Amino acid sequence: MSLISHVALSFETPARAYRRAHVGKLMVVEPRDGREVSSGDFFRLEEVSTHPTGLFVTGVFDNARRNHMMVSNVRDATEDEIAWHDHSGFDVTKTDY
């Protein structure tokens, strides 16, 4: 009797794990030029894929529409940034299809 089992191994890509952990969250694209974060740097993450130079993200951006963007440094918004963003008058939860 053999003790070998044929179980399919689960494989999850880094992009899929990142999406699962961050989908729907308010995210911030870190400005490269050292400027302060502005409303155009915020988005709600919907999809993510990897690219040799960073991440390719899909989300709802400052124009309240779904767009794609290549980013090299993205992070979760802090509680203070979320509060600022929520009171800025811009609502990224609404989308135009």
PDB file of N, CA and C in Angstrom:
ATOM      1  N   MET A   1       0.845  -1.178   0.000  1.00  0.00           N
ATOM      2  CA  MET A   1       0.000   0.000   0.000  1.00  0.00           C
ATOM      3  C   MET A   1       0.886   1.234   0.000  1.00  0.00           C
ATOM      4  N   SER A   2       0.568   2.173  -0.851  1.00  0.00           N
ATOM      5  CA  SER A   2       1.345   3.393  -0.983  1.00  0.00           C
ATOM      6  C   SER A   2       0.717   4.519  -0.178  1.00  0.00           C
ATOM      7  N   LEU A   3       1.569   5.327   0.462  1.00  0.00           N
ATOM      8  CA  LEU A   3       1.083   6.470   1.236  1.00  0.00           C
ATOM      9  C   LEU A   3       1.142   7.766   0.430  1.00  0.00           C
ATOM     10  N   ILE A   4       1.358   7.691  -0.860  1.00  0.00           N
ATOM     11  CA  ILE A   4       1.419   8.865  -1.710  1.00  0.00           C
ATOM     12  C   ILE A   4       0.000   9.323  -2.021  1.00  0.00           C
ATOM     13  N   SER A   5      -0.260  10.568  -1.777  1.00  0.00           N
ATOM     14  CA  SER A   5      -1.577  11.112  -2.115  1.00  0.00           C
ATOM     15  C   SER A   5      -1.410  12.103  -3.261  1.00  0.00           C
ATOM     16  N   HIS A   6      -2.418  12.208  -4.047  1.00  0.00           N
ATOM     17  CA  HIS A   6      -2.401  13.105  -5.201  1.00  0.00           C
ATOM     18  C   HIS A   6      -3.337  14.270  -4.909  1.00  0.00           C
ATOM     19  N   VAL A   7      -2.807  15.230  -4.191  1.00  0.00           N
ATOM     20  CA  VAL A   7      -3.583  16.410  -3.809  1.00  0.00           C
ATOM     21  C   VAL A   7      -3.097  17.585  -4.644  1.00  0.00           C
ATOM     22  N   ALA A   8      -4.017  18.286  -5.228  1.00  0.00           N
ATOM     23  CA  ALA A   8      -3.651  19.467  -6.009  1.00  0.00           C
ATOM     24  C   ALA A   8      -3.151  20.546  -5.061  1.00  0.00           C
ATOM     25  N   LEU A   9      -1.987  21.091  -5.362  1.00  0.00           N
ATOM     26  CA  LEU A   9      -1.434  22.160  -4.549  1.00  0.00           C
ATOM     27  C   LEU A   9      -2.057  23.491  -4.946  1.00  0.00           C
ATOM     28  N   SER A  10      -2.356  24.304  -3.957  1.00  0.00           N
ATOM     29  CA  SER A  10      -2.916  25.617  -4.208  1.00  0.00           C
ATOM     30  C   SER A  10      -1.787  26.574  -4.546  1.00  0.00           C
ATOM     31  N   PHE A  11      -1.941  27.307  -5.636  1.00  0.00           N
ATOM     32  CA  PHE A  11      -0.937  28.273  -6.033  1.00  0.00           C
ATOM     33  C   PHE A  11      -1.602  29.640  -6.120  1.00  0.00           C
ATOM     34  N   GLU A  12      -1.075  30.573  -5.371  1.00  0.00           N
ATOM     35  CA  GLU A  12      -1.617  31.916  -5.386  1.00  0.00           C
ATOM     36  C   GLU A  12      -0.506  32.880  -5.763  1.00  0.00           C
ATOM     37  N   THR A  13      -0.729  33.660  -6.793  1.00  0.00           N
ATOM     38  CA  THR A  13       0.278  34.621  -7.231  1.00  0.00           C
ATOM     39  C   THR A  13       0.345  35.781  -6.235  1.00  0.00           C
ATOM     40  N   PRO A  14       1.464  36.498  -6.202  1.00  0.00           N
ATOM     41  CA  PRO A  14       1.547  37.679  -5.330  1.00  0.00           C
ATOM     42  C   PRO A  14       0.455  38.706  -5.636  1.00  0.00           C
ATOM     43  N   ALA A  15       0.126  38.895  -6.896  1.00  0.00           N
ATOM     44  CA  ALA A  15      -0.921  39.858  -7.249  1.00  0.00           C
ATOM     45  C   ALA A  15      -2.275  39.413  -6.714  1.00  0.00           C
ATOM     46  N   ARG A  16      -2.562  38.128  -6.796  1.00  0.00           N
ATOM     47  CA  ARG A  16      -3.844  37.627  -6.291  1.00  0.00           C
ATOM     48  C   ARG A  16      -3.933  37.771  -4.774  1.00  0.00           C
ATOM     49  N   ALA A  17      -2.844  37.489  -4.084  1.00  0.00           N
ATOM     50  CA  ALA A  17      -2.816  37.657  -2.633  1.00  0.00           C
ATOM     51  C   ALA A  17      -2.968  39.132  -2.262  1.00  0.00           C
ATOM     52  N   TYR A  18      -2.305  40.016  -3.004  1.00  0.00           N
ATOM     53  CA  TYR A  18      -2.409  41.461  -2.758  1.00  0.00           C
ATOM     54  C   TYR A  18      -3.843  41.923  -2.978  1.00  0.00           C
ATOM     55  N   ARG A  19      -4.465  41.454  -4.052  1.00  0.00           N
ATOM     56  CA  ARG A  19      -5.856  41.830  -4.334  1.00  0.00           C
ATOM     57  C   ARG A  19      -6.771  41.377  -3.214  1.00  0.00           C
ATOM     58  N   ARG A  20      -6.612  40.131  -2.805  1.00  0.00           N
ATOM     59  CA  ARG A  20      -7.464  39.590  -1.743  1.00  0.00           C
ATOM     60  C   ARG A  20      -7.335  40.406  -0.466  1.00  0.00           C
ATOM     61  N   ALA A  21      -6.137  40.869  -0.142  1.00  0.00           N
ATOM     62  CA  ALA A  21      -5.890  41.621   1.079  1.00  0.00           C
ATOM     63  C   ALA A  21      -6.348  43.076   0.997  1.00  0.00           C
ATOM     64  N   HIS A  22      -6.439  43.637  -0.222  1.00  0.00           N
ATOM     65  CA  HIS A  22      -6.675  45.078  -0.343  1.00  0.00           C
ATOM     66  C   HIS A  22      -7.894  45.486  -1.163  1.00  0.00           C
ATOM     67  N   VAL A  23      -8.592  44.560  -1.801  1.00  0.00           N
ATOM     68  CA  VAL A  23      -9.715  44.924  -2.653  1.00  0.00           C
ATOM     69  C   VAL A  23     -10.747  45.739  -1.874  1.00  0.00           C
ATOM     70  N   GLY A  24     -11.204  46.829  -2.491  1.00  0.00           N
ATOM     71  CA  GLY A  24     -12.214  47.693  -1.880  1.00  0.00           C
ATOM     72  C   GLY A  24     -11.665  48.742  -0.937  1.00  0.00           C
ATOM     73  N   LYS A  25     -10.410  48.625  -0.572  1.00  0.00           N
ATOM     74  CA  LYS A  25      -9.814  49.584   0.365  1.00  0.00           C
ATOM     75  C   LYS A  25      -9.415  50.863  -0.357  1.00  0.00           C
ATOM     76  N   LEU A  26      -9.404  51.950   0.404  1.00  0.00           N
ATOM     77  CA  LEU A  26      -8.895  53.212  -0.113  1.00  0.00           C
ATOM     78  C   LEU A  26      -7.384  53.136  -0.095  1.00  0.00           C
ATOM     79  N   MET A  27      -6.785  53.311  -1.271  1.00  0.00           N
ATOM     80  CA  MET A  27      -5.349  53.188  -1.435  1.00  0.00           C
ATOM     81  C   MET A  27      -4.760  54.533  -1.850  1.00  0.00           C
ATOM     82  N   VAL A  28      -3.453  54.671  -1.660  1.00  0.00           N
ATOM     83  CA  VAL A  28      -2.750  55.904  -2.020  1.00  0.00           C
ATOM     84  C   VAL A  28      -1.561  55.539  -2.895  1.00  0.00           C
ATOM     85  N   VAL A  29      -1.443  56.224  -4.024  1.00  0.00           N
ATOM     86  CA  VAL A  29      -0.250  56.114  -4.857  1.00  0.00           C
ATOM     87  C   VAL A  29       0.727  57.150  -4.316  1.00  0.00           C
ATOM     88  N   GLU A  30       1.885  56.691  -3.847  1.00  0.00           N
ATOM     89  CA  GLU A  30       2.886  57.604  -3.297  1.00  0.00           C
ATOM     90  C   GLU A  30       3.450  58.491  -4.411  1.00  0.00           C
ATOM     91  N   PRO A  31       3.387  59.805  -4.239  1.00  0.00           N
ATOM     92  CA  PRO A  31       3.972  60.701  -5.247  1.00  0.00           C
ATOM     93  C   PRO A  31       5.484  60.504  -5.340  1.00  0.00           C
ATOM     94  N   ARG A  32       6.004  60.478  -6.560  1.00  0.00           N
ATOM     95  CA  ARG A  32       7.442  60.280  -6.756  1.00  0.00           C
ATOM     96  C   ARG A  32       8.242  61.554  -6.517  1.00  0.00           C
ATOM     97  N   ASP A  33       7.618  62.687  -6.712  1.00  0.00           N
ATOM     98  CA  ASP A  33       8.355  63.946  -6.673  1.00  0.00           C
ATOM     99  C   ASP A  33       8.418  64.596  -5.287  1.00  0.00           C
ATOM    100  N   GLY A  34       7.987  63.913  -4.242  1.00  0.00           N
ATOM    101  CA  GLY A  34       8.070  64.430  -2.887  1.00  0.00           C
ATOM    102  C   GLY A  34       6.974  65.414  -2.509  1.00  0.00           C
ATOM    103  N   ARG A  35       6.012  65.631  -3.384  1.00  0.00           N
ATOM    104  CA  ARG A  35       4.925  66.563  -3.070  1.00  0.00           C
ATOM    105  C   ARG A  35       3.952  65.940  -2.067  1.00  0.00           C
ATOM    106  N   GLU A  36       3.086  66.763  -1.521  1.00  0.00           N
ATOM    107  CA  GLU A  36       2.043  66.282  -0.622  1.00  0.00           C
ATOM    108  C   GLU A  36       1.048  65.410  -1.394  1.00  0.00           C
ATOM    109  N   VAL A  37       0.431  64.467  -0.713  1.00  0.00           N
ATOM    110  CA  VAL A  37      -0.596  63.621  -1.317  1.00  0.00           C
ATOM    111  C   VAL A  37      -1.803  64.496  -1.647  1.00  0.00           C
ATOM    112  N   SER A  38      -2.384  64.303  -2.831  1.00  0.00           N
ATOM    113  CA  SER A  38      -3.574  65.056  -3.241  1.00  0.00           C
ATOM    114  C   SER A  38      -4.702  64.088  -3.569  1.00  0.00           C
ATOM    115  N   SER A  39      -5.876  64.620  -3.861  1.00  0.00           N
ATOM    116  CA  SER A  39      -7.039  63.765  -4.119  1.00  0.00           C
ATOM    117  C   SER A  39      -6.806  62.839  -5.309  1.00  0.00           C
ATOM    118  N   GLY A  40      -5.998  63.238  -6.270  1.00  0.00           N
ATOM    119  CA  GLY A  40      -5.711  62.411  -7.428  1.00  0.00           C
ATOM    120  C   GLY A  40      -4.867  61.194  -7.124  1.00  0.00           C
ATOM    121  N   ASP A  41      -4.309  61.120  -5.913  1.00  0.00           N
ATOM    122  CA  ASP A  41      -3.476  59.984  -5.522  1.00  0.00           C
ATOM    123  C   ASP A  41      -4.275  58.869  -4.857  1.00  0.00           C
ATOM    124  N   PHE A  42      -5.564  59.089  -4.621  1.00  0.00           N
ATOM    125  CA  PHE A  42      -6.409  58.106  -3.940  1.00  0.00           C
ATOM    126  C   PHE A  42      -7.212  57.286  -4.950  1.00  0.00           C
ATOM    127  N   PHE A  43      -7.439  56.031  -4.620  1.00  0.00           N
ATOM    128  CA  PHE A  43      -8.315  55.191  -5.426  1.00  0.00           C
ATOM    129  C   PHE A  43      -8.771  54.002  -4.596  1.00  0.00           C
ATOM    130  N   ARG A  44      -9.890  53.412  -5.001  1.00  0.00           N
ATOM    131  CA  ARG A  44     -10.386  52.172  -4.388  1.00  0.00           C
ATOM    132  C   ARG A  44      -9.962  51.025  -5.284  1.00  0.00           C
ATOM    133  N   LEU A  45      -9.192  50.114  -4.712  1.00  0.00           N
ATOM    134  CA  LEU A  45      -8.622  49.009  -5.483  1.00  0.00           C
ATOM    135  C   LEU A  45      -9.688  47.991  -5.884  1.00  0.00           C
ATOM    136  N   GLU A  46      -9.673  47.622  -7.162  1.00  0.00           N
ATOM    137  CA  GLU A  46     -10.560  46.570  -7.667  1.00  0.00           C
ATOM    138  C   GLU A  46      -9.768  45.368  -8.180  1.00  0.00           C
ATOM    139  N   GLU A  47      -8.722  45.618  -8.956  1.00  0.00           N
ATOM    140  CA  GLU A  47      -7.904  44.539  -9.517  1.00  0.00           C
ATOM    141  C   GLU A  47      -6.441  44.951  -9.494  1.00  0.00           C
ATOM    142  N   VAL A  48      -5.563  43.973  -9.493  1.00  0.00           N
ATOM    143  CA  VAL A  48      -4.131  44.240  -9.522  1.00  0.00           C
ATOM    144  C   VAL A  48      -3.429  43.117 -10.276  1.00  0.00           C
ATOM    145  N   SER A  49      -2.409  43.487 -11.015  1.00  0.00           N
ATOM    146  CA  SER A  49      -1.544  42.497 -11.650  1.00  0.00           C
ATOM    147  C   SER A  49      -0.115  43.005 -11.539  1.00  0.00           C
ATOM    148  N   THR A  50       0.820  42.101 -11.705  1.00  0.00           N
ATOM    149  CA  THR A  50       2.214  42.490 -11.558  1.00  0.00           C
ATOM    150  C   THR A  50       2.815  42.844 -12.910  1.00  0.00           C
ATOM    151  N   HIS A  51       3.833  43.669 -12.846  1.00  0.00           N
ATOM    152  CA  HIS A  51       4.593  44.099 -14.013  1.00  0.00           C
ATOM    153  C   HIS A  51       6.045  44.200 -13.547  1.00  0.00           C
ATOM    154  N   PRO A  52       7.018  43.983 -14.409  1.00  0.00           N
ATOM    155  CA  PRO A  52       8.419  44.037 -13.965  1.00  0.00           C
ATOM    156  C   PRO A  52       8.823  45.352 -13.276  1.00  0.00           C
ATOM    157  N   THR A  53       8.114  46.443 -13.576  1.00  0.00           N
ATOM    158  CA  THR A  53       8.476  47.728 -12.968  1.00  0.00           C
ATOM    159  C   THR A  53       7.535  48.161 -11.858  1.00  0.00           C
ATOM    160  N   GLY A  54       6.556  47.354 -11.485  1.00  0.00           N
ATOM    161  CA  GLY A  54       5.627  47.732 -10.422  1.00  0.00           C
ATOM    162  C   GLY A  54       4.335  46.957 -10.502  1.00  0.00           C
ATOM    163  N   LEU A  55       3.253  47.611 -10.130  1.00  0.00           N
ATOM    164  CA  LEU A  55       1.925  47.013 -10.161  1.00  0.00           C
ATOM    165  C   LEU A  55       1.063  47.720 -11.190  1.00  0.00           C
ATOM    166  N   PHE A  56       0.188  46.969 -11.807  1.00  0.00           N
ATOM    167  CA  PHE A  56      -0.815  47.518 -12.708  1.00  0.00           C
ATOM    168  C   PHE A  56      -2.129  47.398 -11.959  1.00  0.00           C
ATOM    169  N   VAL A  57      -2.709  48.529 -11.552  1.00  0.00           N
ATOM    170  CA  VAL A  57      -3.911  48.505 -10.727  1.00  0.00           C
ATOM    171  C   VAL A  57      -5.115  49.007 -11.509  1.00  0.00           C
ATOM    172  N   THR A  58      -6.270  48.465 -11.166  1.00  0.00           N
ATOM    173  CA  THR A  58      -7.553  48.925 -11.676  1.00  0.00           C
ATOM    174  C   THR A  58      -8.366  49.338 -10.467  1.00  0.00           C
ATOM    175  N   GLY A  59      -8.975  50.496 -10.563  1.00  0.00           N
ATOM    176  CA  GLY A  59      -9.774  50.957  -9.447  1.00  0.00           C
ATOM    177  C   GLY A  59     -10.590  52.171  -9.827  1.00  0.00           C
ATOM    178  N   VAL A  60     -11.273  52.725  -8.835  1.00  0.00           N
ATOM    179  CA  VAL A  60     -12.059  53.935  -9.014  1.00  0.00           C
ATOM    180  C   VAL A  60     -11.188  55.083  -8.526  1.00  0.00           C
ATOM    181  N   PHE A  61     -10.845  55.984  -9.446  1.00  0.00           N
ATOM    182  CA  PHE A  61      -9.924  57.077  -9.166  1.00  0.00           C
ATOM    183  C   PHE A  61     -10.674  58.389  -8.956  1.00  0.00           C
ATOM    184  N   ASP A  62      -9.933  59.500  -8.943  1.00  0.00           N
ATOM    185  CA  ASP A  62     -10.498  60.792  -8.572  1.00  0.00           C
ATOM    186  C   ASP A  62     -11.561  61.328  -9.515  1.00  0.00           C
ATOM    187  N   ASN A  63     -11.678  60.794 -10.693  1.00  0.00           N
ATOM    188  CA  ASN A  63     -12.731  61.241 -11.599  1.00  0.00           C
ATOM    189  C   ASN A  63     -13.993  60.396 -11.447  1.00  0.00           C
ATOM    190  N   ALA A  64     -14.033  59.565 -10.398  1.00  0.00           N
ATOM    191  CA  ALA A  64     -15.168  58.683 -10.088  1.00  0.00           C
ATOM    192  C   ALA A  64     -15.446  57.683 -11.205  1.00  0.00           C
ATOM    193  N   ARG A  65     -14.405  57.348 -11.941  1.00  0.00           N
ATOM    194  CA  ARG A  65     -14.522  56.341 -12.993  1.00  0.00           C
ATOM    195  C   ARG A  65     -13.464  55.280 -12.813  1.00  0.00           C
ATOM    196  N   ARG A  66     -13.755  54.120 -13.325  1.00  0.00           N
ATOM    197  CA  ARG A  66     -12.804  53.011 -13.269  1.00  0.00           C
ATOM    198  C   ARG A  66     -11.697  53.260 -14.287  1.00  0.00           C
ATOM    199  N   ASN A  67     -10.470  53.201 -13.828  1.00  0.00           N
ATOM    200  CA  ASN A  67      -9.303  53.406 -14.679  1.00  0.00           C
ATOM    201  C   ASN A  67      -8.217  52.422 -14.298  1.00  0.00           C
ATOM    202  N   HIS A  68      -7.173  52.409 -15.105  1.00  0.00           N
ATOM    203  CA  HIS A  68      -5.997  51.575 -14.865  1.00  0.00           C
ATOM    204  C   HIS A  68      -4.806  52.498 -14.670  1.00  0.00           C
ATOM    205  N   MET A  69      -3.843  52.043 -13.884  1.00  0.00           N
ATOM    206  CA  MET A  69      -2.651  52.840 -13.661  1.00  0.00           C
ATOM    207  C   MET A  69      -1.486  51.925 -13.336  1.00  0.00           C
ATOM    208  N   MET A  70      -0.317  52.260 -13.871  1.00  0.00           N
ATOM    209  CA  MET A  70       0.913  51.573 -13.507  1.00  0.00           C
ATOM    210  C   MET A  70       1.495  52.332 -12.316  1.00  0.00           C
ATOM    211  N   VAL A  71       1.749  51.631 -11.227  1.00  0.00           N
ATOM    212  CA  VAL A  71       2.280  52.277 -10.025  1.00  0.00           C
ATOM    213  C   VAL A  71       3.509  51.521  -9.539  1.00  0.00           C
ATOM    214  N   SER A  72       4.410  52.255  -8.926  1.00  0.00           N
ATOM    215  CA  SER A  72       5.592  51.599  -8.363  1.00  0.00           C
ATOM    216  C   SER A  72       5.536  51.563  -6.847  1.00  0.00           C
ATOM    217  N   ASN A  73       4.733  52.447  -6.246  1.00  0.00           N
ATOM    218  CA  ASN A  73       4.644  52.469  -4.790  1.00  0.00           C
ATOM    219  C   ASN A  73       3.221  52.844  -4.388  1.00  0.00           C
ATOM    220  N   VAL A  74       2.484  51.871  -3.874  1.00  0.00           N
ATOM    221  CA  VAL A  74       1.104  52.081  -3.449  1.00  0.00           C
ATOM    222  C   VAL A  74       0.938  51.504  -2.055  1.00  0.00           C
ATOM    223  N   ARG A  75       0.068  52.130  -1.257  1.00  0.00           N
ATOM    224  CA  ARG A  75      -0.130  51.689   0.123  1.00  0.00           C
ATOM    225  C   ARG A  75      -1.570  51.940   0.547  1.00  0.00           C
ATOM    226  N   ASP A  76      -1.955  51.331   1.681  1.00  0.00           N
ATOM    227  CA  ASP A  76      -3.258  51.613   2.280  1.00  0.00           C
ATOM    228  C   ASP A  76      -3.271  53.053   2.776  1.00  0.00           C
ATOM    229  N   ALA A  77      -4.407  53.715   2.666  1.00  0.00           N
ATOM    230  CA  ALA A  77      -4.554  55.054   3.229  1.00  0.00           C
ATOM    231  C   ALA A  77      -4.587  54.945   4.753  1.00  0.00           C
ATOM    232  N   THR A  78      -3.979  55.915   5.423  1.00  0.00           N
ATOM    233  CA  THR A  78      -4.011  55.949   6.886  1.00  0.00           C
ATOM    234  C   THR A  78      -5.393  56.406   7.348  1.00  0.00           C
ATOM    235  N   GLU A  79      -5.677  56.259   8.630  1.00  0.00           N
ATOM    236  CA  GLU A  79      -6.966  56.709   9.159  1.00  0.00           C
ATOM    237  C   GLU A  79      -7.154  58.199   8.947  1.00  0.00           C
ATOM    238  N   ASP A  80      -6.098  58.997   9.146  1.00  0.00           N
ATOM    239  CA  ASP A  80      -6.188  60.445   8.925  1.00  0.00           C
ATOM    240  C   ASP A  80      -6.453  60.770   7.461  1.00  0.00           C
ATOM    241  N   GLU A  81      -5.811  60.047   6.551  1.00  0.00           N
ATOM    242  CA  GLU A  81      -6.037  60.272   5.120  1.00  0.00           C
ATOM    243  C   GLU A  81      -7.442  59.876   4.716  1.00  0.00           C
ATOM    244  N   ILE A  82      -7.944  58.792   5.281  1.00  0.00           N
ATOM    245  CA  ILE A  82      -9.319  58.368   4.992  1.00  0.00           C
ATOM    246  C   ILE A  82     -10.300  59.432   5.449  1.00  0.00           C
ATOM    247  N   ALA A  83     -10.091  59.969   6.659  1.00  0.00           N
ATOM    248  CA  ALA A  83     -10.970  61.021   7.178  1.00  0.00           C
ATOM    249  C   ALA A  83     -10.893  62.265   6.289  1.00  0.00           C
ATOM    250  N   TRP A  84      -9.675  62.655   5.909  1.00  0.00           N
ATOM    251  CA  TRP A  84      -9.512  63.820   5.034  1.00  0.00           C
ATOM    252  C   TRP A  84     -10.210  63.581   3.703  1.00  0.00           C
ATOM    253  N   HIS A  85     -10.000  62.411   3.142  1.00  0.00           N
ATOM    254  CA  HIS A  85     -10.585  62.079   1.842  1.00  0.00           C
ATOM    255  C   HIS A  85     -12.098  62.031   1.918  1.00  0.00           C
ATOM    256  N   ASP A  86     -12.638  61.423   2.968  1.00  0.00           N
ATOM    257  CA  ASP A  86     -14.087  61.305   3.109  1.00  0.00           C
ATOM    258  C   ASP A  86     -14.762  62.661   3.286  1.00  0.00           C
ATOM    259  N   HIS A  87     -14.026  63.648   3.790  1.00  0.00           N
ATOM    260  CA  HIS A  87     -14.592  64.991   3.982  1.00  0.00           C
ATOM    261  C   HIS A  87     -14.168  65.958   2.884  1.00  0.00           C
ATOM    262  N   SER A  88     -13.525  65.462   1.853  1.00  0.00           N
ATOM    263  CA  SER A  88     -13.053  66.324   0.772  1.00  0.00           C
ATOM    264  C   SER A  88     -14.136  66.607  -0.266  1.00  0.00           C
ATOM    265  N   GLY A  89     -15.261  65.899  -0.157  1.00  0.00           N
ATOM    266  CA  GLY A  89     -16.334  66.084  -1.121  1.00  0.00           C
ATOM    267  C   GLY A  89     -16.239  65.168  -2.317  1.00  0.00           C
ATOM    268  N   PHE A  90     -15.212  64.358  -2.370  1.00  0.00           N
ATOM    269  CA  PHE A  90     -15.033  63.426  -3.484  1.00  0.00           C
ATOM    270  C   PHE A  90     -15.426  62.037  -3.024  1.00  0.00           C
ATOM    271  N   ASP A  91     -16.311  61.398  -3.746  1.00  0.00           N
ATOM    272  CA  ASP A  91     -16.804  60.075  -3.386  1.00  0.00           C
ATOM    273  C   ASP A  91     -16.371  59.076  -4.437  1.00  0.00           C
ATOM    274  N   VAL A  92     -15.413  58.205  -4.090  1.00  0.00           N
ATOM    275  CA  VAL A  92     -14.954  57.207  -5.055  1.00  0.00           C
ATOM    276  C   VAL A  92     -15.795  55.938  -5.015  1.00  0.00           C
ATOM    277  N   THR A  93     -16.854  55.909  -4.231  1.00  0.00           N
ATOM    278  CA  THR A  93     -17.674  54.717  -4.191  1.00  0.00           C
ATOM    279  C   THR A  93     -18.670  54.685  -5.344  1.00  0.00           C
ATOM    280  N   LYS A  94     -18.925  55.831  -5.979  1.00  0.00           N
ATOM    281  CA  LYS A  94     -19.840  55.880  -7.114  1.00  0.00           C
ATOM    282  C   LYS A  94     -19.044  55.769  -8.397  1.00  0.00           C
ATOM    283  N   THR A  95     -19.537  54.969  -9.309  1.00  0.00           N
ATOM    284  CA  THR A  95     -18.847  54.817 -10.594  1.00  0.00           C
ATOM    285  C   THR A  95     -19.819  55.013 -11.736  1.00  0.00           C
ATOM    286  N   ASP A  96     -19.284  55.490 -12.838  1.00  0.00           N
ATOM    287  CA  ASP A  96     -20.051  55.588 -14.077  1.00  0.00           C
ATOM    288  C   ASP A  96     -19.646  54.429 -14.961  1.00  0.00           C
ATOM    289  N   TYR A  97     -20.600  53.701 -15.478  1.00  0.00           N
ATOM    290  CA  TYR A  97     -20.280  52.570 -16.338  1.00  0.00           C
ATOM    291  C   TYR A  97     -20.604  52.904 -17.763  1.00  0.00           C
TER     292      TYR A  97
END
